[in-house]
Amino acid sequence: MRVIDLGWPIEDSMQVFPGDISPEIKELTKIEDEGCRSKKIIISSHTGTHMDAPAHMLAGGACLDELPSETFFGFAVIADVSGCAGREIEISDLGLTREEMAAADFLLLHTGYCDKMGEDGYLEGFPVLSQAAARALAEQELKGIGVDAISVDPVKSAECPVHKTILGNGMVVLENLRGLRQLPFKTPFCLTALPLALKGADGAPARVMAVLEK
């Protein structure tokens, strides 16, 4: 068995969505003083690699702790959309057959933008689903959609239509993934996406892992 971490470690200097707070990680106690080591951690619910719940965008939408545990585990398939930079992603760009889609619980979009993390370029130009593609995917029996970019909508989008379409159909969103190119495209694999167990959370940092047989 091989396990691949698809998330970013949270640190003080990491890039965040414009307007969000930067993480603060401070020493709370030290071994030499108090006999143990602990830290004070201040983050937003959308820091680093994280999961959005329907409550993130929808009044009355489910919070993470209200979703069944099965939401956080399933089979994922990756679509390579790195050639779509600067434009919207259509269903035809996914390059997936009906059978490949039917085998997936999660669709992960490989944009390649994880390579730009920490740069200004990470915040602009990444491809996003068209509204038609988002609606078509929302009709699939998926648990969620993930992306190796900072958002499933453009940073400057005021309406966030892709978020609302996906979350409005009871799915979750995974953002700020990385390492997707280490995995086989179009071939299903086991995925665990475990957000922090925060009561009433609209979103939370998540540990996202791909589990391969070998």
N, C-alpha and C. Protein backbone atom coordinates (compact mmCIF):
# COMPACT_ATOMS: atom_id res chain seq x y z
N MET A 1 0.85 -1.20 0.00
CA MET A 1 0.00 0.00 0.00
C MET A 1 0.88 1.24 0.00
N ARG A 2 0.46 2.26 -0.75
CA ARG A 2 1.19 3.52 -0.80
C ARG A 2 0.22 4.65 -0.49
N VAL A 3 0.61 5.55 0.40
CA VAL A 3 -0.24 6.67 0.80
C VAL A 3 0.45 7.97 0.40
N ILE A 4 -0.28 8.83 -0.32
CA ILE A 4 0.28 10.10 -0.79
C ILE A 4 -0.52 11.25 -0.19
N ASP A 5 0.19 12.15 0.47
CA ASP A 5 -0.42 13.33 1.09
C ASP A 5 -0.69 14.37 0.00
N LEU A 6 -1.92 14.80 -0.12
CA LEU A 6 -2.31 15.76 -1.16
C LEU A 6 -2.54 17.16 -0.60
N GLY A 7 -2.04 17.42 0.60
CA GLY A 7 -2.28 18.71 1.23
C GLY A 7 -1.01 19.46 1.56
N TRP A 8 -1.19 20.74 1.86
CA TRP A 8 -0.09 21.61 2.28
C TRP A 8 0.00 21.66 3.80
N PRO A 9 1.21 21.66 4.36
CA PRO A 9 1.34 21.89 5.80
C PRO A 9 1.00 23.34 6.13
N ILE A 10 0.30 23.55 7.21
CA ILE A 10 -0.07 24.91 7.61
C ILE A 10 1.10 25.56 8.33
N GLU A 11 1.47 26.77 7.88
CA GLU A 11 2.56 27.51 8.51
C GLU A 11 2.26 29.00 8.44
N ASP A 12 2.97 29.76 9.29
CA ASP A 12 2.71 31.20 9.40
C ASP A 12 2.76 31.93 8.06
N SER A 13 3.71 31.55 7.24
CA SER A 13 3.98 32.31 6.02
C SER A 13 3.18 31.86 4.81
N MET A 14 2.27 30.91 4.96
CA MET A 14 1.61 30.36 3.79
C MET A 14 0.63 31.35 3.16
N GLN A 15 0.46 31.23 1.87
CA GLN A 15 -0.45 32.10 1.12
C GLN A 15 -1.90 31.78 1.48
N VAL A 16 -2.72 32.83 1.59
CA VAL A 16 -4.13 32.65 1.91
C VAL A 16 -4.98 33.40 0.88
N PHE A 17 -6.26 33.10 0.88
CA PHE A 17 -7.19 33.79 -0.01
C PHE A 17 -7.21 35.27 0.36
N PRO A 18 -7.19 36.18 -0.62
CA PRO A 18 -7.17 37.61 -0.31
C PRO A 18 -8.28 38.02 0.66
N GLY A 19 -7.90 38.71 1.72
CA GLY A 19 -8.87 39.14 2.73
C GLY A 19 -8.97 38.19 3.91
N ASP A 20 -8.46 36.98 3.76
CA ASP A 20 -8.49 36.01 4.86
C ASP A 20 -7.33 36.30 5.81
N ILE A 21 -7.40 35.77 7.03
CA ILE A 21 -6.32 35.97 7.98
C ILE A 21 -5.19 34.99 7.72
N SER A 22 -3.97 35.43 7.97
CA SER A 22 -2.83 34.53 7.88
C SER A 22 -2.75 33.68 9.13
N PRO A 23 -2.29 32.45 9.01
CA PRO A 23 -2.17 31.60 10.19
C PRO A 23 -1.18 32.20 11.20
N GLU A 24 -1.47 31.98 12.46
CA GLU A 24 -0.54 32.35 13.53
C GLU A 24 -0.30 31.11 14.39
N ILE A 25 0.94 30.69 14.45
CA ILE A 25 1.31 29.52 15.24
C ILE A 25 2.40 29.95 16.22
N LYS A 26 2.08 29.97 17.49
CA LYS A 26 2.99 30.48 18.52
C LYS A 26 3.24 29.43 19.60
N GLU A 27 4.43 29.51 20.19
CA GLU A 27 4.74 28.64 21.32
C GLU A 27 3.86 29.01 22.51
N LEU A 28 3.21 28.03 23.10
CA LEU A 28 2.39 28.26 24.28
C LEU A 28 3.12 27.79 25.54
N THR A 29 3.70 26.61 25.46
CA THR A 29 4.54 26.11 26.55
C THR A 29 5.78 25.45 25.96
N LYS A 30 6.83 25.37 26.77
CA LYS A 30 8.09 24.77 26.34
C LYS A 30 8.48 23.64 27.30
N ILE A 31 9.16 22.65 26.77
CA ILE A 31 9.59 21.52 27.59
C ILE A 31 10.51 21.99 28.72
N GLU A 32 11.43 22.90 28.38
CA GLU A 32 12.39 23.34 29.39
C GLU A 32 11.77 24.20 30.48
N ASP A 33 10.60 24.79 30.22
CA ASP A 33 9.95 25.64 31.21
C ASP A 33 8.77 24.95 31.89
N GLU A 34 7.82 24.46 31.10
CA GLU A 34 6.61 23.86 31.67
C GLU A 34 6.61 22.34 31.66
N GLY A 35 7.61 21.74 31.05
CA GLY A 35 7.70 20.29 31.02
C GLY A 35 7.00 19.64 29.85
N CYS A 36 6.37 20.44 29.01
CA CYS A 36 5.73 19.91 27.80
C CYS A 36 5.71 21.01 26.75
N ARG A 37 5.53 20.58 25.52
CA ARG A 37 5.49 21.53 24.40
C ARG A 37 4.08 21.61 23.85
N SER A 38 3.57 22.83 23.68
CA SER A 38 2.26 23.03 23.05
C SER A 38 2.27 24.36 22.31
N LYS A 39 1.30 24.51 21.41
CA LYS A 39 1.25 25.71 20.59
C LYS A 39 -0.14 26.34 20.60
N LYS A 40 -0.17 27.63 20.41
CA LYS A 40 -1.41 28.36 20.19
C LYS A 40 -1.56 28.55 18.69
N ILE A 41 -2.69 28.14 18.15
CA ILE A 41 -2.89 28.16 16.70
C ILE A 41 -4.13 28.98 16.36
N ILE A 42 -3.95 30.00 15.52
CA ILE A 42 -5.08 30.81 15.05
C ILE A 42 -5.14 30.69 13.53
N ILE A 43 -6.23 30.15 13.04
CA ILE A 43 -6.43 29.97 11.60
C ILE A 43 -7.88 30.29 11.26
N SER A 44 -8.15 30.47 9.97
CA SER A 44 -9.53 30.57 9.53
C SER A 44 -10.02 29.17 9.15
N SER A 45 -11.29 29.07 8.89
CA SER A 45 -11.85 27.77 8.51
C SER A 45 -11.50 27.38 7.07
N HIS A 46 -10.79 28.27 6.37
CA HIS A 46 -10.42 27.99 4.98
C HIS A 46 -8.92 28.17 4.77
N THR A 47 -8.16 27.82 5.78
CA THR A 47 -6.70 27.90 5.72
C THR A 47 -6.13 26.67 5.03
N GLY A 48 -5.19 26.90 4.11
CA GLY A 48 -4.47 25.79 3.49
C GLY A 48 -5.39 24.84 2.74
N THR A 49 -4.99 23.59 2.69
CA THR A 49 -5.83 22.56 2.08
C THR A 49 -7.04 22.38 2.98
N HIS A 50 -8.22 22.61 2.43
CA HIS A 50 -9.41 22.62 3.28
C HIS A 50 -10.64 22.12 2.53
N MET A 51 -11.68 21.86 3.30
CA MET A 51 -12.96 21.42 2.76
C MET A 51 -14.02 22.47 3.05
N ASP A 52 -14.81 22.79 2.02
CA ASP A 52 -15.99 23.66 2.17
C ASP A 52 -17.23 22.82 2.34
N ALA A 53 -18.04 23.18 3.32
CA ALA A 53 -19.35 22.55 3.50
C ALA A 53 -20.41 23.41 2.82
N PRO A 54 -21.60 22.87 2.57
CA PRO A 54 -22.68 23.69 1.99
C PRO A 54 -22.92 24.98 2.77
N ALA A 55 -22.71 24.96 4.10
CA ALA A 55 -22.94 26.15 4.93
C ALA A 55 -22.01 27.30 4.57
N HIS A 56 -20.95 27.03 3.83
CA HIS A 56 -20.00 28.08 3.45
C HIS A 56 -20.66 29.14 2.58
N MET A 57 -21.57 28.73 1.72
CA MET A 57 -22.17 29.65 0.76
C MET A 57 -23.68 29.74 0.84
N LEU A 58 -24.31 28.83 1.54
CA LEU A 58 -25.77 28.72 1.49
C LEU A 58 -26.39 28.87 2.87
N ALA A 59 -27.30 29.80 3.02
CA ALA A 59 -28.03 29.95 4.27
C ALA A 59 -28.80 28.67 4.54
N GLY A 60 -28.63 28.11 5.71
CA GLY A 60 -29.30 26.86 6.04
C GLY A 60 -28.60 25.62 5.52
N GLY A 61 -27.45 25.80 4.85
CA GLY A 61 -26.70 24.65 4.34
C GLY A 61 -26.06 23.87 5.47
N ALA A 62 -25.79 22.61 5.22
CA ALA A 62 -25.22 21.73 6.23
C ALA A 62 -23.80 22.14 6.59
N CYS A 63 -23.48 22.07 7.87
CA CYS A 63 -22.12 22.27 8.36
C CYS A 63 -21.36 20.94 8.27
N LEU A 64 -20.06 21.00 8.38
CA LEU A 64 -19.26 19.78 8.24
C LEU A 64 -19.66 18.71 9.24
N ASP A 65 -19.95 19.11 10.48
CA ASP A 65 -20.29 18.11 11.49
C ASP A 65 -21.67 17.50 11.29
N GLU A 66 -22.44 18.06 10.37
CA GLU A 66 -23.76 17.53 10.07
C GLU A 66 -23.75 16.56 8.89
N LEU A 67 -22.61 16.44 8.24
CA LEU A 67 -22.49 15.53 7.10
C LEU A 67 -22.17 14.13 7.58
N PRO A 68 -22.68 13.10 6.91
CA PRO A 68 -22.36 11.72 7.32
C PRO A 68 -20.88 11.43 7.13
N SER A 69 -20.35 10.56 7.96
CA SER A 69 -18.92 10.24 7.91
C SER A 69 -18.51 9.69 6.55
N GLU A 70 -19.45 9.04 5.85
CA GLU A 70 -19.15 8.47 4.53
C GLU A 70 -18.76 9.56 3.52
N THR A 71 -19.12 10.81 3.81
CA THR A 71 -18.79 11.92 2.91
C THR A 71 -17.29 12.04 2.72
N PHE A 72 -16.52 11.65 3.71
CA PHE A 72 -15.09 11.94 3.75
C PHE A 72 -14.21 10.80 3.22
N PHE A 73 -14.83 9.82 2.61
CA PHE A 73 -14.07 8.68 2.09
C PHE A 73 -14.73 8.18 0.82
N GLY A 74 -13.91 7.78 -0.16
CA GLY A 74 -14.48 7.22 -1.38
C GLY A 74 -13.42 7.06 -2.45
N PHE A 75 -13.87 6.83 -3.67
CA PHE A 75 -12.97 6.71 -4.81
C PHE A 75 -12.91 8.04 -5.55
N ALA A 76 -11.70 8.41 -5.94
CA ALA A 76 -11.50 9.66 -6.67
C ALA A 76 -10.93 9.38 -8.05
N VAL A 77 -11.22 10.28 -8.97
CA VAL A 77 -10.62 10.23 -10.29
C VAL A 77 -10.12 11.63 -10.62
N ILE A 78 -8.97 11.69 -11.29
CA ILE A 78 -8.36 12.97 -11.62
C ILE A 78 -8.55 13.28 -13.10
N ALA A 79 -8.97 14.50 -13.38
CA ALA A 79 -9.05 14.99 -14.75
C ALA A 79 -7.95 16.03 -14.95
N ASP A 80 -7.17 15.87 -15.99
CA ASP A 80 -6.08 16.81 -16.29
C ASP A 80 -6.64 17.99 -17.09
N VAL A 81 -6.78 19.14 -16.42
CA VAL A 81 -7.30 20.34 -17.09
C VAL A 81 -6.23 21.43 -17.12
N SER A 82 -4.97 21.01 -17.04
CA SER A 82 -3.87 21.98 -17.03
C SER A 82 -3.78 22.77 -18.33
N GLY A 83 -4.37 22.25 -19.39
CA GLY A 83 -4.36 22.97 -20.65
C GLY A 83 -5.45 24.01 -20.78
N CYS A 84 -6.24 24.18 -19.72
CA CYS A 84 -7.38 25.12 -19.76
C CYS A 84 -7.09 26.43 -19.05
N ALA A 85 -5.84 26.70 -18.70
CA ALA A 85 -5.51 27.92 -17.97
C ALA A 85 -6.02 29.15 -18.70
N GLY A 86 -6.63 30.06 -17.95
CA GLY A 86 -7.12 31.31 -18.52
C GLY A 86 -8.50 31.23 -19.12
N ARG A 87 -9.12 30.06 -19.06
CA ARG A 87 -10.48 29.94 -19.59
C ARG A 87 -11.28 28.97 -18.73
N GLU A 88 -12.56 28.84 -19.04
CA GLU A 88 -13.42 27.95 -18.28
C GLU A 88 -13.26 26.49 -18.75
N ILE A 89 -13.52 25.59 -17.83
CA ILE A 89 -13.43 24.16 -18.11
C ILE A 89 -14.82 23.65 -18.51
N GLU A 90 -14.91 23.02 -19.66
CA GLU A 90 -16.16 22.42 -20.10
C GLU A 90 -16.09 20.91 -19.84
N ILE A 91 -17.23 20.27 -19.87
CA ILE A 91 -17.29 18.83 -19.64
C ILE A 91 -16.37 18.08 -20.60
N SER A 92 -16.32 18.52 -21.84
CA SER A 92 -15.49 17.84 -22.83
C SER A 92 -14.00 17.93 -22.50
N ASP A 93 -13.60 18.93 -21.72
CA ASP A 93 -12.20 19.08 -21.34
C ASP A 93 -11.75 18.05 -20.31
N LEU A 94 -12.69 17.44 -19.62
CA LEU A 94 -12.34 16.48 -18.57
C LEU A 94 -11.74 15.21 -19.15
N GLY A 95 -12.14 14.85 -20.35
CA GLY A 95 -11.59 13.66 -20.99
C GLY A 95 -11.94 12.36 -20.30
N LEU A 96 -13.06 12.35 -19.60
CA LEU A 96 -13.48 11.16 -18.85
C LEU A 96 -14.68 10.50 -19.52
N THR A 97 -14.66 9.19 -19.57
CA THR A 97 -15.79 8.46 -20.11
C THR A 97 -16.90 8.38 -19.07
N ARG A 98 -18.08 8.01 -19.51
CA ARG A 98 -19.20 7.84 -18.59
C ARG A 98 -18.87 6.79 -17.51
N GLU A 99 -18.16 5.74 -17.92
CA GLU A 99 -17.80 4.68 -16.98
C GLU A 99 -16.79 5.18 -15.95
N GLU A 100 -15.83 5.98 -16.39
CA GLU A 100 -14.84 6.53 -15.46
C GLU A 100 -15.49 7.46 -14.45
N MET A 101 -16.43 8.27 -14.89
CA MET A 101 -17.14 9.16 -13.97
C MET A 101 -18.00 8.37 -13.01
N ALA A 102 -18.63 7.31 -13.51
CA ALA A 102 -19.53 6.52 -12.66
C ALA A 102 -18.78 5.82 -11.54
N ALA A 103 -17.48 5.60 -11.72
CA ALA A 103 -16.68 4.90 -10.71
C ALA A 103 -16.19 5.84 -9.61
N ALA A 104 -16.44 7.14 -9.77
CA ALA A 104 -15.85 8.12 -8.85
C ALA A 104 -16.86 8.67 -7.85
N ASP A 105 -16.37 8.89 -6.63
CA ASP A 105 -17.11 9.65 -5.62
C ASP A 105 -16.63 11.10 -5.60
N PHE A 106 -15.35 11.28 -5.94
CA PHE A 106 -14.76 12.61 -5.98
C PHE A 106 -14.12 12.84 -7.34
N LEU A 107 -14.31 14.04 -7.87
CA LEU A 107 -13.61 14.46 -9.08
C LEU A 107 -12.56 15.49 -8.67
N LEU A 108 -11.30 15.21 -8.98
CA LEU A 108 -10.22 16.13 -8.67
C LEU A 108 -9.69 16.74 -9.96
N LEU A 109 -9.58 18.05 -9.99
CA LEU A 109 -9.15 18.77 -11.19
C LEU A 109 -7.68 19.16 -11.06
N HIS A 110 -6.87 18.61 -11.94
CA HIS A 110 -5.45 18.94 -11.95
C HIS A 110 -5.23 20.13 -12.87
N THR A 111 -5.05 21.32 -12.27
CA THR A 111 -4.79 22.53 -13.04
C THR A 111 -3.29 22.81 -13.17
N GLY A 112 -2.50 22.24 -12.27
CA GLY A 112 -1.07 22.51 -12.23
C GLY A 112 -0.72 23.77 -11.47
N TYR A 113 -1.74 24.48 -10.98
CA TYR A 113 -1.49 25.76 -10.30
C TYR A 113 -0.88 25.60 -8.92
N CYS A 114 -0.85 24.39 -8.39
CA CYS A 114 -0.17 24.19 -7.10
C CYS A 114 1.30 24.58 -7.19
N ASP A 115 1.87 24.54 -8.39
CA ASP A 115 3.27 24.93 -8.58
C ASP A 115 3.48 26.41 -8.33
N LYS A 116 2.40 27.19 -8.36
CA LYS A 116 2.50 28.64 -8.17
C LYS A 116 2.20 29.08 -6.74
N MET A 117 1.93 28.13 -5.85
CA MET A 117 1.61 28.47 -4.46
C MET A 117 2.69 29.37 -3.88
N GLY A 118 2.27 30.47 -3.25
CA GLY A 118 3.21 31.44 -2.69
C GLY A 118 3.53 32.59 -3.62
N GLU A 119 3.08 32.49 -4.87
CA GLU A 119 3.32 33.55 -5.86
C GLU A 119 2.02 34.29 -6.16
N ASP A 120 2.14 35.52 -6.66
CA ASP A 120 0.94 36.27 -7.06
C ASP A 120 0.17 35.52 -8.14
N GLY A 121 0.88 34.79 -8.98
CA GLY A 121 0.24 34.05 -10.07
C GLY A 121 -0.68 32.96 -9.61
N TYR A 122 -0.58 32.56 -8.34
CA TYR A 122 -1.46 31.52 -7.81
C TYR A 122 -2.90 32.01 -7.72
N LEU A 123 -3.08 33.33 -7.70
CA LEU A 123 -4.39 33.91 -7.46
C LEU A 123 -5.15 34.27 -8.73
N GLU A 124 -4.55 34.08 -9.87
CA GLU A 124 -5.22 34.50 -11.10
C GLU A 124 -4.91 33.57 -12.26
N GLY A 125 -5.87 33.47 -13.17
CA GLY A 125 -5.64 32.71 -14.39
C GLY A 125 -5.90 31.22 -14.31
N PHE A 126 -6.14 30.70 -13.11
CA PHE A 126 -6.38 29.26 -13.00
C PHE A 126 -7.74 28.93 -13.62
N PRO A 127 -7.86 27.77 -14.27
CA PRO A 127 -9.13 27.42 -14.91
C PRO A 127 -10.18 27.04 -13.89
N VAL A 128 -11.42 27.40 -14.17
CA VAL A 128 -12.55 27.03 -13.32
C VAL A 128 -13.64 26.42 -14.18
N LEU A 129 -14.49 25.63 -13.58
CA LEU A 129 -15.60 25.03 -14.31
C LEU A 129 -16.55 26.10 -14.84
N SER A 130 -17.05 25.90 -16.04
CA SER A 130 -18.12 26.76 -16.53
C SER A 130 -19.38 26.44 -15.73
N GLN A 131 -20.34 27.34 -15.76
CA GLN A 131 -21.58 27.09 -15.03
C GLN A 131 -22.28 25.85 -15.58
N ALA A 132 -22.21 25.66 -16.89
CA ALA A 132 -22.85 24.48 -17.50
C ALA A 132 -22.16 23.20 -17.03
N ALA A 133 -20.83 23.23 -16.97
CA ALA A 133 -20.09 22.05 -16.51
C ALA A 133 -20.37 21.77 -15.04
N ALA A 134 -20.42 22.84 -14.24
CA ALA A 134 -20.71 22.67 -12.81
C ALA A 134 -22.09 22.06 -12.60
N ARG A 135 -23.06 22.53 -13.39
CA ARG A 135 -24.43 21.98 -13.26
C ARG A 135 -24.46 20.51 -13.67
N ALA A 136 -23.74 20.18 -14.75
CA ALA A 136 -23.72 18.79 -15.21
C ALA A 136 -23.08 17.88 -14.17
N LEU A 137 -22.00 18.33 -13.55
CA LEU A 137 -21.34 17.52 -12.53
C LEU A 137 -22.17 17.42 -11.26
N ALA A 138 -22.93 18.46 -10.97
CA ALA A 138 -23.79 18.43 -9.78
C ALA A 138 -24.87 17.37 -9.91
N GLU A 139 -25.19 17.00 -11.14
CA GLU A 139 -26.21 15.97 -11.36
C GLU A 139 -25.64 14.56 -11.22
N GLN A 140 -24.31 14.46 -11.17
CA GLN A 140 -23.67 13.15 -10.96
C GLN A 140 -23.78 12.80 -9.47
N GLU A 141 -23.65 11.55 -9.16
CA GLU A 141 -23.71 11.12 -7.76
C GLU A 141 -22.32 11.22 -7.13
N LEU A 142 -21.80 12.44 -7.08
CA LEU A 142 -20.49 12.70 -6.51
C LEU A 142 -20.62 13.18 -5.07
N LYS A 143 -19.59 12.91 -4.29
CA LYS A 143 -19.53 13.46 -2.93
C LYS A 143 -18.87 14.83 -2.92
N GLY A 144 -17.96 15.05 -3.87
CA GLY A 144 -17.29 16.34 -3.87
C GLY A 144 -16.40 16.54 -5.08
N ILE A 145 -15.95 17.78 -5.24
CA ILE A 145 -15.04 18.18 -6.30
C ILE A 145 -13.87 18.91 -5.66
N GLY A 146 -12.65 18.56 -6.09
CA GLY A 146 -11.46 19.19 -5.54
C GLY A 146 -10.60 19.79 -6.63
N VAL A 147 -9.72 20.72 -6.23
CA VAL A 147 -8.88 21.41 -7.20
C VAL A 147 -7.54 21.77 -6.56
N ASP A 148 -6.48 21.73 -7.36
CA ASP A 148 -5.15 22.12 -6.87
C ASP A 148 -4.91 23.60 -7.14
N ALA A 149 -5.89 24.40 -6.83
CA ALA A 149 -5.83 25.86 -6.96
C ALA A 149 -6.51 26.44 -5.73
N ILE A 150 -6.49 27.76 -5.62
CA ILE A 150 -6.98 28.38 -4.39
C ILE A 150 -8.50 28.39 -4.28
N SER A 151 -9.20 28.19 -5.40
CA SER A 151 -10.67 28.23 -5.36
C SER A 151 -11.25 27.55 -6.58
N VAL A 152 -12.52 27.16 -6.50
CA VAL A 152 -13.22 26.64 -7.68
C VAL A 152 -13.89 27.77 -8.46
N ASP A 153 -13.86 28.98 -7.91
CA ASP A 153 -14.32 30.18 -8.61
C ASP A 153 -13.16 31.15 -8.73
N PRO A 154 -13.21 32.08 -9.70
CA PRO A 154 -12.17 33.10 -9.76
C PRO A 154 -12.11 33.89 -8.46
N VAL A 155 -10.92 34.32 -8.07
CA VAL A 155 -10.73 35.04 -6.81
C VAL A 155 -11.63 36.27 -6.73
N LYS A 156 -11.82 36.96 -7.84
CA LYS A 156 -12.60 38.20 -7.83
C LYS A 156 -14.09 37.98 -8.07
N SER A 157 -14.53 36.73 -8.14
CA SER A 157 -15.95 36.45 -8.37
C SER A 157 -16.77 36.86 -7.15
N ALA A 158 -17.81 37.66 -7.38
CA ALA A 158 -18.67 38.09 -6.28
C ALA A 158 -19.79 37.09 -6.03
N GLU A 159 -20.24 36.40 -7.07
CA GLU A 159 -21.38 35.49 -6.94
C GLU A 159 -20.98 34.06 -6.63
N CYS A 160 -19.75 33.69 -6.98
CA CYS A 160 -19.24 32.32 -6.72
C CYS A 160 -20.21 31.25 -7.22
N PRO A 161 -20.56 31.27 -8.51
CA PRO A 161 -21.57 30.33 -9.02
C PRO A 161 -21.16 28.86 -8.94
N VAL A 162 -19.87 28.56 -9.12
CA VAL A 162 -19.45 27.16 -9.07
C VAL A 162 -19.59 26.62 -7.65
N HIS A 163 -19.12 27.39 -6.68
CA HIS A 163 -19.33 27.00 -5.28
C HIS A 163 -20.80 26.70 -5.02
N LYS A 164 -21.66 27.64 -5.38
CA LYS A 164 -23.08 27.52 -5.04
C LYS A 164 -23.74 26.34 -5.74
N THR A 165 -23.32 26.07 -6.96
CA THR A 165 -23.88 24.93 -7.68
C THR A 165 -23.47 23.61 -7.04
N ILE A 166 -22.18 23.49 -6.73
CA ILE A 166 -21.68 22.25 -6.13
C ILE A 166 -22.24 22.06 -4.73
N LEU A 167 -22.08 23.08 -3.89
CA LEU A 167 -22.53 22.98 -2.51
C LEU A 167 -24.05 22.88 -2.42
N GLY A 168 -24.74 23.51 -3.37
CA GLY A 168 -26.20 23.47 -3.38
C GLY A 168 -26.76 22.10 -3.67
N ASN A 169 -25.91 21.22 -4.17
CA ASN A 169 -26.34 19.84 -4.42
C ASN A 169 -25.81 18.88 -3.36
N GLY A 170 -25.47 19.42 -2.20
CA GLY A 170 -25.07 18.59 -1.07
C GLY A 170 -23.66 18.04 -1.14
N MET A 171 -22.87 18.53 -2.09
CA MET A 171 -21.50 18.08 -2.24
C MET A 171 -20.56 18.97 -1.42
N VAL A 172 -19.31 18.54 -1.30
CA VAL A 172 -18.29 19.35 -0.65
C VAL A 172 -17.27 19.80 -1.70
N VAL A 173 -16.49 20.79 -1.32
CA VAL A 173 -15.43 21.32 -2.19
C VAL A 173 -14.10 21.18 -1.46
N LEU A 174 -13.09 20.70 -2.17
CA LEU A 174 -11.72 20.63 -1.65
C LEU A 174 -10.85 21.61 -2.43
N GLU A 175 -10.15 22.48 -1.72
CA GLU A 175 -9.32 23.49 -2.38
C GLU A 175 -7.90 23.46 -1.83
N ASN A 176 -6.98 23.99 -2.63
CA ASN A 176 -5.55 24.01 -2.26
C ASN A 176 -4.97 22.60 -2.12
N LEU A 177 -5.33 21.73 -3.04
CA LEU A 177 -4.69 20.42 -3.10
C LEU A 177 -3.32 20.56 -3.77
N ARG A 178 -2.52 19.54 -3.66
CA ARG A 178 -1.25 19.50 -4.39
C ARG A 178 -0.87 18.04 -4.65
N GLY A 179 0.11 17.88 -5.55
CA GLY A 179 0.64 16.54 -5.78
C GLY A 179 -0.21 15.63 -6.65
N LEU A 180 -1.20 16.19 -7.33
CA LEU A 180 -2.08 15.33 -8.12
C LEU A 180 -1.35 14.64 -9.27
N ARG A 181 -0.29 15.26 -9.76
CA ARG A 181 0.42 14.65 -10.90
C ARG A 181 1.18 13.39 -10.49
N GLN A 182 1.28 13.14 -9.19
CA GLN A 182 1.92 11.90 -8.73
C GLN A 182 1.00 10.69 -8.91
N LEU A 183 -0.26 10.96 -9.21
CA LEU A 183 -1.28 9.91 -9.26
C LEU A 183 -1.69 9.63 -10.70
N PRO A 184 -2.22 8.44 -10.95
CA PRO A 184 -2.68 8.12 -12.31
C PRO A 184 -3.93 8.91 -12.66
N PHE A 185 -3.90 9.62 -13.76
CA PHE A 185 -5.08 10.34 -14.21
C PHE A 185 -6.11 9.34 -14.75
N LYS A 186 -7.38 9.64 -14.52
CA LYS A 186 -8.50 8.88 -15.06
C LYS A 186 -8.67 7.48 -14.46
N THR A 187 -7.80 7.11 -13.52
CA THR A 187 -7.90 5.80 -12.89
C THR A 187 -8.34 5.96 -11.44
N PRO A 188 -9.46 5.38 -11.02
CA PRO A 188 -9.95 5.58 -9.65
C PRO A 188 -8.98 5.07 -8.59
N PHE A 189 -8.90 5.79 -7.48
CA PHE A 189 -8.10 5.38 -6.33
C PHE A 189 -8.85 5.80 -5.06
N CYS A 190 -8.48 5.21 -3.94
CA CYS A 190 -9.13 5.54 -2.67
C CYS A 190 -8.66 6.91 -2.18
N LEU A 191 -9.60 7.69 -1.68
CA LEU A 191 -9.30 9.02 -1.16
C LEU A 191 -9.93 9.18 0.22
N THR A 192 -9.15 9.71 1.15
CA THR A 192 -9.70 10.14 2.43
C THR A 192 -9.49 11.64 2.53
N ALA A 193 -10.53 12.34 2.91
CA ALA A 193 -10.48 13.80 3.06
C ALA A 193 -11.13 14.14 4.39
N LEU A 194 -10.31 14.27 5.43
CA LEU A 194 -10.82 14.39 6.79
C LEU A 194 -10.64 15.81 7.32
N PRO A 195 -11.72 16.57 7.41
CA PRO A 195 -11.63 17.92 7.97
C PRO A 195 -11.58 17.88 9.49
N LEU A 196 -11.09 18.95 10.10
CA LEU A 196 -11.14 19.05 11.55
C LEU A 196 -12.59 18.93 12.02
N ALA A 197 -12.78 18.24 13.12
CA ALA A 197 -14.13 18.02 13.65
C ALA A 197 -14.56 19.22 14.48
N LEU A 198 -14.92 20.30 13.80
CA LEU A 198 -15.33 21.53 14.46
C LEU A 198 -16.85 21.67 14.42
N LYS A 199 -17.45 21.91 15.55
CA LYS A 199 -18.90 22.07 15.63
C LYS A 199 -19.34 23.30 14.85
N GLY A 200 -20.32 23.12 13.97
CA GLY A 200 -20.88 24.24 13.22
C GLY A 200 -19.96 24.84 12.17
N ALA A 201 -18.99 24.06 11.69
CA ALA A 201 -18.00 24.59 10.76
C ALA A 201 -18.54 24.70 9.34
N ASP A 202 -18.34 25.87 8.72
CA ASP A 202 -18.67 26.06 7.31
C ASP A 202 -17.57 25.50 6.42
N GLY A 203 -16.43 25.25 7.02
CA GLY A 203 -15.29 24.67 6.34
C GLY A 203 -14.22 24.39 7.37
N ALA A 204 -13.17 23.70 6.99
CA ALA A 204 -12.09 23.41 7.93
C ALA A 204 -10.88 22.86 7.17
N PRO A 205 -9.68 23.14 7.68
CA PRO A 205 -8.51 22.48 7.11
C PRO A 205 -8.71 20.96 7.12
N ALA A 206 -8.23 20.31 6.07
CA ALA A 206 -8.46 18.87 5.93
C ALA A 206 -7.16 18.15 5.61
N ARG A 207 -7.04 16.94 6.10
CA ARG A 207 -5.93 16.07 5.72
C ARG A 207 -6.45 15.18 4.60
N VAL A 208 -5.91 15.38 3.41
CA VAL A 208 -6.38 14.67 2.22
C VAL A 208 -5.30 13.70 1.77
N MET A 209 -5.66 12.42 1.69
CA MET A 209 -4.70 11.37 1.36
C MET A 209 -5.22 10.48 0.24
N ALA A 210 -4.33 10.16 -0.68
CA ALA A 210 -4.62 9.15 -1.70
C ALA A 210 -4.02 7.83 -1.23
N VAL A 211 -4.79 6.76 -1.34
CA VAL A 211 -4.34 5.44 -0.91
C VAL A 211 -4.31 4.53 -2.14
N LEU A 212 -3.10 4.09 -2.49
CA LEU A 212 -2.91 3.25 -3.67
C LEU A 212 -2.52 1.84 -3.23
N GLU A 213 -2.85 0.87 -4.03
CA GLU A 213 -2.53 -0.51 -3.69
C GLU A 213 -1.03 -0.76 -3.68
N LYS A 214 -0.30 -0.08 -4.57
CA LYS A 214 1.16 -0.23 -4.60
C LYS A 214 1.79 0.94 -5.31
